[in-house]
């Protein structure tokens, strides 16, 4: 079963994955896991996101593929974006990272203190 089938079965209702089996090793992990954010989108939105990625983010290409206007593409992307948490691409360093860099002499004590203060 793929994510689209699961999304169809759940009819847009939230669901929790409770068992994961690693195909290569057969190891099974049980617990409560949320599906990936993209898998939580409707099938139509998943197709739209996949088309956007395949078109290298070209809104002009999306207009052509879906036969809609620029504002319609932008509106749909904005609506989809509201459902996605964005990954912090520049996270604050952990305390251990700062201490390691200080030990290696890459930063001064003052810089280490400033970074640790800034990550609070």
N, C-alpha and C. Protein backbone atom coordinates (compact mmCIF):
# COMPACT_ATOMS: atom_id res chain seq x y z
N UNK A 1 0.85 -1.18 0.00
CA UNK A 1 0.00 0.00 0.00
C UNK A 1 0.90 1.24 0.00
N UNK A 2 0.56 2.22 -0.82
CA UNK A 2 1.34 3.45 -0.82
C UNK A 2 0.57 4.55 -0.08
N UNK A 3 1.22 5.70 0.08
CA UNK A 3 0.62 6.80 0.84
C UNK A 3 -0.68 7.28 0.22
N UNK A 4 -0.76 7.27 -1.11
CA UNK A 4 -1.99 7.76 -1.75
C UNK A 4 -3.17 6.85 -1.41
N UNK A 5 -2.94 5.54 -1.40
CA UNK A 5 -4.03 4.62 -1.02
C UNK A 5 -4.45 4.86 0.42
N UNK A 6 -3.46 5.05 1.30
CA UNK A 6 -3.76 5.30 2.71
C UNK A 6 -4.52 6.61 2.87
N UNK A 7 -4.13 7.62 2.12
CA UNK A 7 -4.82 8.91 2.17
C UNK A 7 -6.26 8.75 1.69
N UNK A 8 -6.46 7.96 0.64
CA UNK A 8 -7.82 7.70 0.15
C UNK A 8 -8.66 6.99 1.20
N UNK A 9 -8.07 5.97 1.84
CA UNK A 9 -8.79 5.20 2.86
C UNK A 9 -9.18 6.06 4.05
N UNK A 10 -8.30 6.96 4.44
CA UNK A 10 -8.56 7.79 5.62
C UNK A 10 -9.49 8.96 5.31
N UNK A 11 -9.74 9.20 4.02
CA UNK A 11 -10.64 10.28 3.57
C UNK A 11 -10.32 11.62 4.22
N UNK A 12 -9.03 11.91 4.34
CA UNK A 12 -8.62 13.20 4.87
C UNK A 12 -8.60 13.29 6.38
N UNK A 13 -9.06 12.24 7.07
CA UNK A 13 -9.04 12.25 8.52
C UNK A 13 -7.61 12.00 9.00
N UNK A 14 -7.22 12.62 10.11
CA UNK A 14 -5.87 12.37 10.64
C UNK A 14 -5.72 10.89 11.02
N UNK A 15 -4.52 10.37 10.85
CA UNK A 15 -4.26 8.99 11.26
C UNK A 15 -2.88 8.89 11.86
N UNK A 16 -2.67 7.82 12.61
CA UNK A 16 -1.40 7.57 13.28
C UNK A 16 -0.89 6.22 12.82
N UNK A 17 0.38 6.15 12.49
CA UNK A 17 1.01 4.88 12.14
C UNK A 17 1.51 4.27 13.44
N UNK A 18 1.15 2.99 13.69
CA UNK A 18 1.52 2.36 14.95
C UNK A 18 2.56 1.26 14.82
N UNK A 19 2.88 0.87 13.60
CA UNK A 19 3.85 -0.19 13.41
C UNK A 19 4.65 0.08 12.15
N UNK A 20 5.97 -0.03 12.27
CA UNK A 20 6.85 0.18 11.14
C UNK A 20 7.78 -1.02 11.06
N UNK A 21 7.89 -1.60 9.87
CA UNK A 21 8.82 -2.72 9.67
C UNK A 21 9.85 -2.30 8.65
N UNK A 22 11.13 -2.45 9.00
CA UNK A 22 12.21 -2.13 8.07
C UNK A 22 12.35 -3.30 7.11
N UNK A 23 12.10 -3.05 5.83
CA UNK A 23 12.05 -4.13 4.84
C UNK A 23 13.36 -4.91 4.76
N UNK A 24 14.48 -4.24 4.83
CA UNK A 24 15.76 -4.91 4.67
C UNK A 24 16.11 -5.84 5.80
N UNK A 25 15.82 -5.45 7.03
CA UNK A 25 16.23 -6.25 8.18
C UNK A 25 15.08 -6.98 8.85
N UNK A 26 13.86 -6.57 8.56
CA UNK A 26 12.71 -7.19 9.20
C UNK A 26 12.46 -6.67 10.60
N UNK A 27 13.26 -5.72 11.06
CA UNK A 27 13.07 -5.15 12.40
C UNK A 27 11.75 -4.40 12.43
N UNK A 28 10.99 -4.62 13.51
CA UNK A 28 9.69 -3.98 13.66
C UNK A 28 9.75 -3.02 14.85
N UNK A 29 9.23 -1.82 14.64
CA UNK A 29 9.16 -0.83 15.70
C UNK A 29 7.69 -0.49 15.89
N UNK A 30 7.24 -0.56 17.14
CA UNK A 30 5.85 -0.22 17.42
C UNK A 30 5.80 1.01 18.31
N UNK A 31 4.80 1.82 18.09
CA UNK A 31 4.62 3.06 18.84
C UNK A 31 3.60 3.90 18.11
N UNK A 32 3.63 5.18 18.32
CA UNK A 32 2.74 6.07 17.60
C UNK A 32 3.58 7.06 16.82
N UNK A 33 3.47 7.01 15.50
CA UNK A 33 4.25 7.85 14.62
C UNK A 33 3.31 8.62 13.71
N UNK A 34 3.57 9.91 13.58
CA UNK A 34 2.80 10.68 12.61
C UNK A 34 3.38 10.43 11.23
N UNK A 35 2.54 10.32 10.24
CA UNK A 35 3.07 10.18 8.87
C UNK A 35 3.77 11.48 8.47
N UNK A 36 4.65 11.41 7.48
CA UNK A 36 5.32 12.63 7.01
C UNK A 36 4.28 13.68 6.60
N UNK A 37 4.67 14.94 6.73
CA UNK A 37 3.74 16.04 6.43
C UNK A 37 3.16 15.95 5.04
N UNK A 38 3.98 15.62 4.06
CA UNK A 38 3.46 15.55 2.69
C UNK A 38 2.43 14.43 2.55
N UNK A 39 2.58 13.35 3.31
CA UNK A 39 1.62 12.26 3.25
C UNK A 39 0.30 12.65 3.91
N UNK A 40 0.31 13.68 4.71
CA UNK A 40 -0.92 14.13 5.36
C UNK A 40 -1.75 15.06 4.47
N UNK A 41 -1.17 15.48 3.35
CA UNK A 41 -1.92 16.30 2.40
C UNK A 41 -2.92 15.43 1.64
N UNK A 42 -3.93 16.05 1.06
CA UNK A 42 -4.87 15.30 0.21
C UNK A 42 -4.11 14.76 -1.00
N UNK A 43 -4.67 13.75 -1.63
CA UNK A 43 -4.02 13.18 -2.82
C UNK A 43 -3.84 14.25 -3.89
N UNK A 44 -4.84 15.09 -4.09
CA UNK A 44 -4.74 16.16 -5.09
C UNK A 44 -3.59 17.11 -4.77
N UNK A 45 -3.43 17.45 -3.49
CA UNK A 45 -2.34 18.35 -3.11
C UNK A 45 -0.99 17.65 -3.24
N UNK A 46 -0.94 16.35 -2.96
CA UNK A 46 0.31 15.59 -3.14
C UNK A 46 0.72 15.61 -4.60
N UNK A 47 -0.25 15.42 -5.50
CA UNK A 47 0.04 15.44 -6.93
C UNK A 47 0.52 16.84 -7.33
N UNK A 48 -0.12 17.86 -6.80
CA UNK A 48 0.26 19.25 -7.12
C UNK A 48 1.69 19.53 -6.67
N UNK A 49 2.04 19.12 -5.46
CA UNK A 49 3.40 19.34 -4.94
C UNK A 49 4.41 18.57 -5.79
N UNK A 50 4.09 17.32 -6.13
CA UNK A 50 5.00 16.53 -6.96
C UNK A 50 5.21 17.19 -8.32
N UNK A 51 4.13 17.70 -8.91
CA UNK A 51 4.25 18.38 -10.21
C UNK A 51 5.09 19.65 -10.08
N UNK A 52 4.94 20.36 -8.98
CA UNK A 52 5.70 21.59 -8.75
C UNK A 52 7.20 21.26 -8.64
N UNK A 53 7.52 20.21 -7.93
CA UNK A 53 8.93 19.80 -7.79
C UNK A 53 9.48 19.34 -9.13
N UNK A 54 8.71 18.52 -9.85
CA UNK A 54 9.17 18.02 -11.16
C UNK A 54 9.34 19.13 -12.18
N UNK A 55 8.57 20.22 -12.01
CA UNK A 55 8.70 21.35 -12.93
C UNK A 55 9.74 22.35 -12.44
N UNK A 56 10.52 21.94 -11.44
CA UNK A 56 11.59 22.77 -10.88
C UNK A 56 11.06 24.10 -10.34
N UNK A 57 9.84 24.07 -9.80
CA UNK A 57 9.27 25.27 -9.20
C UNK A 57 8.81 26.32 -10.20
N UNK A 58 8.62 25.92 -11.45
CA UNK A 58 8.19 26.87 -12.47
C UNK A 58 6.67 27.06 -12.42
N UNK A 59 6.26 28.23 -12.01
CA UNK A 59 4.83 28.50 -11.96
C UNK A 59 4.26 28.53 -13.38
N UNK A 60 5.04 29.02 -14.33
CA UNK A 60 4.59 29.04 -15.73
C UNK A 60 4.30 27.61 -16.20
N UNK A 61 5.16 26.66 -15.84
CA UNK A 61 4.94 25.26 -16.21
C UNK A 61 3.71 24.70 -15.49
N UNK A 62 3.50 25.10 -14.25
CA UNK A 62 2.32 24.65 -13.50
C UNK A 62 1.04 25.19 -14.14
N UNK A 63 1.10 26.43 -14.63
CA UNK A 63 -0.05 27.00 -15.35
C UNK A 63 -0.39 26.11 -16.55
N UNK A 64 0.66 25.71 -17.28
CA UNK A 64 0.46 24.89 -18.48
C UNK A 64 -0.08 23.50 -18.11
N UNK A 65 0.52 22.86 -17.13
CA UNK A 65 0.13 21.50 -16.74
C UNK A 65 -1.32 21.45 -16.27
N UNK A 66 -1.70 22.38 -15.41
CA UNK A 66 -3.02 22.33 -14.80
C UNK A 66 -4.06 23.22 -15.49
N UNK A 67 -3.61 24.00 -16.48
CA UNK A 67 -4.55 24.84 -17.21
C UNK A 67 -5.19 25.92 -16.35
N UNK A 68 -4.39 26.49 -15.44
CA UNK A 68 -4.90 27.52 -14.54
C UNK A 68 -4.00 28.76 -14.62
N UNK A 69 -4.46 29.84 -14.01
CA UNK A 69 -3.73 31.10 -14.05
C UNK A 69 -2.65 31.16 -12.97
N UNK A 70 -1.74 32.11 -13.14
CA UNK A 70 -0.69 32.36 -12.16
C UNK A 70 -1.26 32.56 -10.75
N UNK A 71 -2.27 33.44 -10.57
CA UNK A 71 -2.83 33.64 -9.22
C UNK A 71 -3.41 32.35 -8.62
N UNK A 72 -3.96 31.49 -9.47
CA UNK A 72 -4.52 30.22 -8.97
C UNK A 72 -3.40 29.32 -8.47
N UNK A 73 -2.30 29.24 -9.20
CA UNK A 73 -1.16 28.42 -8.77
C UNK A 73 -0.63 28.97 -7.46
N UNK A 74 -0.41 30.28 -7.38
CA UNK A 74 0.12 30.90 -6.16
C UNK A 74 -0.81 30.67 -4.97
N UNK A 75 -2.10 30.82 -5.20
CA UNK A 75 -3.08 30.62 -4.13
C UNK A 75 -3.02 29.19 -3.60
N UNK A 76 -2.94 28.23 -4.51
CA UNK A 76 -2.89 26.83 -4.09
C UNK A 76 -1.60 26.53 -3.34
N UNK A 77 -0.48 27.05 -3.83
CA UNK A 77 0.79 26.85 -3.12
C UNK A 77 0.73 27.46 -1.72
N UNK A 78 0.15 28.63 -1.60
CA UNK A 78 0.01 29.27 -0.29
C UNK A 78 -0.88 28.44 0.64
N UNK A 79 -1.97 27.91 0.10
CA UNK A 79 -2.87 27.08 0.92
C UNK A 79 -2.16 25.83 1.39
N UNK A 80 -1.42 25.18 0.50
CA UNK A 80 -0.68 23.97 0.87
C UNK A 80 0.40 24.31 1.91
N UNK A 81 1.09 25.43 1.71
CA UNK A 81 2.16 25.83 2.63
C UNK A 81 1.64 26.04 4.05
N UNK A 82 0.38 26.44 4.19
CA UNK A 82 -0.20 26.63 5.52
C UNK A 82 -0.26 25.32 6.30
N UNK A 83 -0.26 24.19 5.60
CA UNK A 83 -0.35 22.87 6.24
C UNK A 83 1.02 22.27 6.55
N UNK A 84 2.08 22.95 6.16
CA UNK A 84 3.42 22.39 6.32
C UNK A 84 4.24 23.21 7.30
N UNK A 85 4.92 22.51 8.21
CA UNK A 85 5.90 23.16 9.07
C UNK A 85 7.20 23.21 8.28
N UNK A 86 7.89 24.30 8.38
CA UNK A 86 9.13 24.42 7.64
C UNK A 86 10.31 24.09 8.52
N UNK A 87 11.27 23.41 7.95
CA UNK A 87 12.47 23.00 8.66
C UNK A 87 13.38 24.21 8.81
N UNK A 88 13.92 24.38 10.00
CA UNK A 88 14.86 25.45 10.26
C UNK A 88 16.17 25.09 9.57
N UNK A 89 16.53 25.85 8.55
CA UNK A 89 17.74 25.52 7.78
C UNK A 89 19.00 26.05 8.43
N UNK A 90 18.85 26.84 9.48
CA UNK A 90 20.02 27.37 10.18
C UNK A 90 19.76 27.29 11.69
N UNK A 91 19.65 26.05 12.22
CA UNK A 91 19.33 25.90 13.64
C UNK A 91 20.48 26.38 14.52
N UNK A 92 20.13 26.80 15.72
CA UNK A 92 21.15 27.21 16.68
C UNK A 92 21.99 25.99 17.06
N UNK A 93 23.29 26.17 17.26
CA UNK A 93 24.13 25.04 17.63
C UNK A 93 23.77 24.53 19.02
N UNK A 94 23.95 23.23 19.24
CA UNK A 94 23.67 22.68 20.56
C UNK A 94 24.79 23.10 21.51
N UNK A 95 24.50 23.01 22.79
CA UNK A 95 25.52 23.34 23.79
C UNK A 95 26.77 22.50 23.62
N UNK A 96 26.58 21.21 23.31
CA UNK A 96 27.72 20.31 23.13
C UNK A 96 28.56 20.75 21.93
N UNK A 97 27.91 21.19 20.86
CA UNK A 97 28.64 21.67 19.68
C UNK A 97 29.49 22.88 20.02
N UNK A 98 28.91 23.80 20.78
CA UNK A 98 29.63 25.02 21.15
C UNK A 98 30.84 24.66 22.01
N UNK A 99 30.65 23.78 22.99
CA UNK A 99 31.75 23.38 23.87
C UNK A 99 32.85 22.67 23.07
N UNK A 100 32.46 21.82 22.14
CA UNK A 100 33.45 21.13 21.30
C UNK A 100 34.28 22.12 20.50
N UNK A 101 33.62 23.12 19.91
CA UNK A 101 34.35 24.13 19.12
C UNK A 101 35.26 24.95 20.01
N UNK A 102 34.81 25.22 21.24
CA UNK A 102 35.64 25.95 22.20
C UNK A 102 36.88 25.13 22.56
N UNK A 103 36.70 23.84 22.82
CA UNK A 103 37.83 22.95 23.15
C UNK A 103 38.85 22.89 22.02
N UNK A 104 38.36 22.90 20.78
CA UNK A 104 39.26 22.83 19.63
C UNK A 104 39.91 24.18 19.32
N UNK A 105 39.51 25.22 20.05
CA UNK A 105 40.09 26.54 19.84
C UNK A 105 39.52 27.28 18.65
N UNK A 106 38.37 26.81 18.13
CA UNK A 106 37.76 27.45 16.96
C UNK A 106 37.05 28.75 17.32
N UNK A 107 36.63 28.87 18.59
CA UNK A 107 35.95 30.08 19.05
C UNK A 107 36.50 30.46 20.42
N UNK A 108 36.32 31.71 20.78
CA UNK A 108 36.77 32.19 22.08
C UNK A 108 35.70 31.91 23.14
N UNK A 109 36.08 32.10 24.39
CA UNK A 109 35.13 31.93 25.49
C UNK A 109 33.97 32.90 25.32
N UNK A 110 34.27 34.15 24.94
CA UNK A 110 33.22 35.16 24.75
C UNK A 110 32.25 34.75 23.63
N UNK A 111 32.81 34.21 22.52
CA UNK A 111 31.95 33.76 21.42
C UNK A 111 31.09 32.57 21.85
N UNK A 112 31.67 31.67 22.63
CA UNK A 112 30.91 30.51 23.12
C UNK A 112 29.77 30.97 24.01
N UNK A 113 30.06 31.88 24.92
CA UNK A 113 29.01 32.39 25.80
C UNK A 113 27.91 33.09 25.02
N UNK A 114 28.29 33.86 24.02
CA UNK A 114 27.30 34.56 23.19
C UNK A 114 26.42 33.57 22.45
N UNK A 115 27.02 32.51 21.88
CA UNK A 115 26.23 31.50 21.17
C UNK A 115 25.30 30.76 22.11
N UNK A 116 25.80 30.41 23.29
CA UNK A 116 24.96 29.71 24.25
C UNK A 116 23.81 30.59 24.72
N UNK A 117 24.08 31.86 24.92
CA UNK A 117 23.03 32.81 25.32
C UNK A 117 22.01 32.98 24.19
N UNK A 118 22.48 33.04 22.98
CA UNK A 118 21.59 33.23 21.83
C UNK A 118 20.71 32.03 21.55
N UNK A 119 21.09 30.84 22.00
CA UNK A 119 20.29 29.64 21.71
C UNK A 119 19.20 29.42 22.74
N UNK A 120 19.11 30.29 23.73
CA UNK A 120 18.06 30.12 24.76
C UNK A 120 16.75 30.66 24.31
